[in-house]
N, C-alpha and C. Protein backbone atom coordinates (compact mmCIF):
# COMPACT_ATOMS: atom_id res chain seq x y z
N MET A 1 0.88 -1.15 0.01
CA MET A 1 0.00 0.04 -0.02
C MET A 1 0.91 1.25 -0.01
N ALA A 2 0.57 2.18 -0.89
CA ALA A 2 1.36 3.38 -0.90
C ALA A 2 0.94 4.40 0.11
N ILE A 3 1.89 5.05 0.69
CA ILE A 3 1.61 6.02 1.80
C ILE A 3 1.81 7.39 1.18
N ASP A 4 0.80 8.26 1.39
CA ASP A 4 0.91 9.66 0.91
C ASP A 4 1.76 10.41 1.87
N GLU A 5 2.97 10.64 1.48
CA GLU A 5 3.92 11.27 2.38
C GLU A 5 3.71 12.80 2.53
N GLY A 6 2.88 13.39 1.66
CA GLY A 6 2.57 14.84 1.77
C GLY A 6 1.69 15.15 2.93
N THR A 7 0.96 14.14 3.43
CA THR A 7 0.06 14.44 4.58
C THR A 7 0.70 14.15 5.95
N LEU A 8 1.88 13.54 5.92
CA LEU A 8 2.57 13.24 7.15
C LEU A 8 3.30 14.46 7.77
N THR A 9 3.47 14.40 9.06
CA THR A 9 4.23 15.43 9.74
C THR A 9 5.73 15.07 9.60
N LYS A 10 6.57 15.97 10.04
CA LYS A 10 8.04 15.78 9.96
C LYS A 10 8.46 14.62 10.81
N GLY A 11 7.89 14.47 11.93
CA GLY A 11 8.27 13.37 12.87
C GLY A 11 7.75 12.06 12.27
N GLN A 12 6.62 12.00 11.69
CA GLN A 12 6.06 10.76 11.06
C GLN A 12 6.90 10.36 9.90
N LEU A 13 7.42 11.34 9.10
CA LEU A 13 8.27 11.03 7.98
C LEU A 13 9.60 10.43 8.47
N ARG A 14 10.11 10.97 9.53
CA ARG A 14 11.36 10.46 10.08
C ARG A 14 11.16 9.02 10.58
N LYS A 15 10.03 8.74 11.23
CA LYS A 15 9.72 7.37 11.68
C LYS A 15 9.63 6.44 10.52
N LEU A 16 8.93 6.89 9.45
CA LEU A 16 8.70 6.03 8.23
C LEU A 16 10.11 5.66 7.55
N THR A 17 10.93 6.70 7.41
CA THR A 17 12.22 6.43 6.77
C THR A 17 13.11 5.59 7.65
N ALA A 18 13.05 5.71 8.94
CA ALA A 18 13.85 4.91 9.82
C ALA A 18 13.35 3.45 9.74
N LEU A 19 12.06 3.24 9.68
CA LEU A 19 11.55 1.84 9.61
C LEU A 19 11.93 1.29 8.27
N ARG A 20 11.84 2.00 7.17
CA ARG A 20 12.18 1.53 5.85
C ARG A 20 13.65 1.09 5.84
N ARG A 21 14.50 1.94 6.39
CA ARG A 21 15.91 1.58 6.41
C ARG A 21 16.30 0.40 7.28
N SER A 22 15.51 0.26 8.39
CA SER A 22 15.88 -0.86 9.33
C SER A 22 15.33 -2.24 8.90
N VAL A 23 14.13 -2.25 8.37
CA VAL A 23 13.47 -3.59 8.05
C VAL A 23 13.11 -3.73 6.61
N GLY A 24 13.37 -2.72 5.81
CA GLY A 24 13.05 -2.79 4.35
C GLY A 24 11.77 -1.96 4.07
N ASP A 25 11.58 -1.71 2.75
CA ASP A 25 10.50 -0.82 2.37
C ASP A 25 9.13 -1.40 2.67
N LYS A 26 8.85 -2.64 2.19
CA LYS A 26 7.51 -3.24 2.30
C LYS A 26 7.13 -3.48 3.80
N LEU A 27 8.03 -4.07 4.55
CA LEU A 27 7.67 -4.37 5.96
C LEU A 27 7.71 -3.06 6.78
N GLY A 28 8.52 -2.14 6.40
CA GLY A 28 8.59 -0.80 7.14
C GLY A 28 7.28 -0.07 6.97
N GLU A 29 6.73 -0.11 5.73
CA GLU A 29 5.44 0.53 5.53
C GLU A 29 4.30 -0.09 6.25
N GLU A 30 4.36 -1.43 6.38
CA GLU A 30 3.30 -2.16 7.10
C GLU A 30 3.34 -1.79 8.59
N VAL A 31 4.54 -1.82 9.12
CA VAL A 31 4.71 -1.52 10.54
C VAL A 31 4.33 0.00 10.82
N PHE A 32 4.67 0.85 9.85
CA PHE A 32 4.36 2.25 10.00
C PHE A 32 2.84 2.48 10.04
N LEU A 33 2.10 1.78 9.13
CA LEU A 33 0.64 1.96 9.10
C LEU A 33 0.05 1.45 10.42
N LYS A 34 0.55 0.36 10.95
CA LYS A 34 0.02 -0.11 12.20
C LYS A 34 0.29 0.89 13.34
N TRP A 35 1.48 1.42 13.35
CA TRP A 35 1.83 2.38 14.36
C TRP A 35 1.01 3.67 14.19
N LEU A 36 0.80 4.13 12.98
CA LEU A 36 0.00 5.27 12.72
C LEU A 36 -1.44 5.13 13.18
N ALA A 37 -1.99 3.94 12.94
CA ALA A 37 -3.39 3.66 13.38
C ALA A 37 -3.48 3.68 14.91
N GLN A 38 -2.43 3.14 15.56
CA GLN A 38 -2.43 3.09 17.00
C GLN A 38 -2.32 4.49 17.55
N GLN A 39 -1.50 5.38 16.93
CA GLN A 39 -1.37 6.74 17.37
C GLN A 39 -2.63 7.52 17.28
N ALA A 40 -3.41 7.31 16.17
CA ALA A 40 -4.67 8.01 15.92
C ALA A 40 -5.69 7.66 16.93
N ALA A 41 -5.70 6.34 17.42
CA ALA A 41 -6.63 5.85 18.40
C ALA A 41 -6.39 6.45 19.75
N THR A 42 -5.11 6.73 20.07
CA THR A 42 -4.82 7.20 21.46
C THR A 42 -4.48 8.75 21.48
N ALA A 43 -4.81 9.44 20.43
CA ALA A 43 -4.44 10.88 20.35
C ALA A 43 -5.40 11.79 21.08
N ALA A 44 -6.56 11.30 21.49
CA ALA A 44 -7.60 12.23 22.08
C ALA A 44 -7.10 12.73 23.40
N PRO A 45 -6.86 14.09 23.51
CA PRO A 45 -6.45 14.59 24.83
C PRO A 45 -7.57 14.64 25.81
N LYS A 46 -7.21 14.45 27.09
CA LYS A 46 -8.21 14.47 28.16
C LYS A 46 -8.43 15.97 28.50
N ALA A 47 -9.64 16.27 28.81
CA ALA A 47 -10.04 17.58 29.23
C ALA A 47 -9.51 17.84 30.67
N ASP A 48 -8.98 19.00 30.91
CA ASP A 48 -8.46 19.33 32.25
C ASP A 48 -9.59 19.73 33.13
N PRO A 49 -9.87 18.94 34.20
CA PRO A 49 -11.04 19.24 35.09
C PRO A 49 -10.94 20.58 35.78
N VAL A 50 -9.72 21.04 36.14
CA VAL A 50 -9.54 22.28 36.81
C VAL A 50 -9.82 23.43 35.89
N ALA A 51 -9.35 23.33 34.66
CA ALA A 51 -9.65 24.42 33.65
C ALA A 51 -11.14 24.47 33.41
N ARG A 52 -11.79 23.33 33.33
CA ARG A 52 -13.23 23.29 33.14
C ARG A 52 -14.00 24.05 34.26
N LYS A 53 -13.57 23.78 35.52
CA LYS A 53 -14.23 24.44 36.62
C LYS A 53 -13.98 25.95 36.60
N ILE A 54 -12.79 26.41 36.21
CA ILE A 54 -12.48 27.84 36.09
C ILE A 54 -13.39 28.43 35.01
N GLU A 55 -13.56 27.75 33.93
CA GLU A 55 -14.41 28.25 32.84
C GLU A 55 -15.88 28.36 33.28
N GLU A 56 -16.33 27.40 34.04
CA GLU A 56 -17.70 27.42 34.57
C GLU A 56 -17.87 28.54 35.55
N ALA A 57 -16.83 28.81 36.38
CA ALA A 57 -16.95 29.92 37.34
C ALA A 57 -17.00 31.25 36.66
N LEU A 58 -16.26 31.39 35.53
CA LEU A 58 -16.20 32.73 34.83
C LEU A 58 -17.33 32.81 33.77
N ALA A 59 -18.10 31.74 33.50
CA ALA A 59 -19.09 31.83 32.46
C ALA A 59 -20.14 32.91 32.65
N GLY A 60 -20.38 33.28 33.90
CA GLY A 60 -21.35 34.35 34.13
C GLY A 60 -20.89 35.74 33.66
N PHE A 61 -19.60 35.91 33.51
CA PHE A 61 -19.06 37.15 33.06
C PHE A 61 -18.79 37.27 31.56
N ALA A 62 -19.28 36.31 30.83
CA ALA A 62 -19.08 36.26 29.35
C ALA A 62 -19.60 37.46 28.63
N ASN A 63 -20.77 37.90 29.04
CA ASN A 63 -21.41 39.13 28.39
C ASN A 63 -21.24 40.37 29.14
N ASP A 64 -20.51 40.37 30.26
CA ASP A 64 -20.33 41.57 31.08
C ASP A 64 -19.21 42.42 30.48
N ARG A 65 -19.51 43.60 29.95
CA ARG A 65 -18.54 44.43 29.25
C ARG A 65 -17.52 45.09 30.28
N SER A 66 -17.95 45.17 31.56
CA SER A 66 -17.09 45.81 32.49
C SER A 66 -16.01 44.88 33.06
N PHE A 67 -16.19 43.55 32.80
CA PHE A 67 -15.24 42.55 33.22
C PHE A 67 -14.16 42.40 32.17
N ASN A 68 -12.96 42.93 32.43
CA ASN A 68 -11.89 42.91 31.45
C ASN A 68 -10.68 42.25 31.95
N LEU A 69 -10.19 41.20 31.33
CA LEU A 69 -9.02 40.44 31.78
C LEU A 69 -7.71 41.06 31.29
N GLY A 70 -7.83 42.10 30.40
CA GLY A 70 -6.59 42.76 29.91
C GLY A 70 -5.90 41.97 28.82
N VAL A 71 -4.83 42.51 28.33
CA VAL A 71 -4.09 41.96 27.23
C VAL A 71 -3.31 40.70 27.72
N TYR A 72 -2.66 40.76 28.85
CA TYR A 72 -1.80 39.72 29.33
C TYR A 72 -2.52 38.79 30.27
N GLY A 73 -3.73 39.08 30.70
CA GLY A 73 -4.49 38.25 31.62
C GLY A 73 -4.02 38.21 33.06
N TYR A 74 -4.40 37.18 33.76
CA TYR A 74 -4.08 37.02 35.17
C TYR A 74 -3.61 35.66 35.47
N SER A 75 -2.81 35.51 36.47
CA SER A 75 -2.32 34.23 36.97
C SER A 75 -3.04 33.93 38.26
N ILE A 76 -3.54 32.72 38.40
CA ILE A 76 -4.23 32.30 39.62
C ILE A 76 -3.37 31.18 40.31
N ARG A 77 -3.12 31.31 41.57
CA ARG A 77 -2.40 30.26 42.29
C ARG A 77 -2.95 30.21 43.72
N ARG A 78 -2.57 29.21 44.38
CA ARG A 78 -2.98 29.05 45.81
C ARG A 78 -2.24 30.01 46.70
N ALA A 79 -2.87 30.53 47.72
CA ALA A 79 -2.26 31.42 48.64
C ALA A 79 -1.20 30.67 49.51
N ARG A 80 -0.09 31.36 49.77
CA ARG A 80 0.93 30.72 50.52
C ARG A 80 1.22 31.51 51.82
N GLY A 81 1.74 30.84 52.80
CA GLY A 81 2.10 31.45 54.04
C GLY A 81 1.29 30.88 55.24
N LYS A 82 1.65 31.36 56.42
CA LYS A 82 1.01 30.85 57.63
C LYS A 82 -0.43 31.27 57.64
N GLY A 83 -1.30 30.31 57.73
CA GLY A 83 -2.73 30.59 57.90
C GLY A 83 -3.40 31.13 56.63
N ALA A 84 -2.67 31.07 55.49
CA ALA A 84 -3.27 31.51 54.23
C ALA A 84 -4.24 30.51 53.65
N THR A 85 -5.34 30.92 53.22
CA THR A 85 -6.32 30.12 52.59
C THR A 85 -6.80 30.72 51.32
N GLY A 86 -7.33 29.97 50.40
CA GLY A 86 -7.90 30.54 49.19
C GLY A 86 -6.91 30.68 48.05
N PHE A 87 -7.16 31.62 47.19
CA PHE A 87 -6.37 31.80 45.99
C PHE A 87 -5.91 33.28 45.86
N VAL A 88 -4.80 33.43 45.10
CA VAL A 88 -4.29 34.79 44.83
C VAL A 88 -4.26 35.03 43.32
N ALA A 89 -4.87 36.09 42.89
CA ALA A 89 -4.82 36.42 41.45
C ALA A 89 -3.85 37.62 41.21
N THR A 90 -2.91 37.44 40.37
CA THR A 90 -2.03 38.57 40.07
C THR A 90 -2.09 38.93 38.57
N LYS A 91 -2.05 40.18 38.30
CA LYS A 91 -2.11 40.63 36.86
C LYS A 91 -0.77 40.45 36.22
N ASN A 92 -0.86 39.80 35.03
CA ASN A 92 0.39 39.61 34.19
C ASN A 92 0.72 40.90 33.46
N THR A 93 2.03 41.24 33.51
CA THR A 93 2.43 42.46 32.83
C THR A 93 3.54 42.16 31.81
N LYS A 94 3.71 42.97 30.86
CA LYS A 94 4.69 42.78 29.85
C LYS A 94 6.12 42.98 30.46
N ARG A 95 6.94 42.02 30.20
CA ARG A 95 8.34 42.04 30.72
C ARG A 95 9.19 42.79 29.68
N ALA A 96 10.06 43.63 30.12
CA ALA A 96 10.94 44.38 29.26
C ALA A 96 12.16 43.60 28.88
């Protein structure tokens, strides 16, 4: 089976040529197609549950024109120190 090399990424092309060189053209292509099918089946990224909760918490501000996150946004992290609870949000600024 012929493989359309124009649709492959640079890393996939490297893998294909390495397999062709090590085990031969025909067997290398067979192995590559099996590897590519396996990669496509496991490529679905998992959704980040924390990011989803932050999106849900901020969903109420989606149409609020006075709520502005700015150009560089904000960083959210847990509060640190003795007796500190909750979260701290700091505004990101452009570094010179």
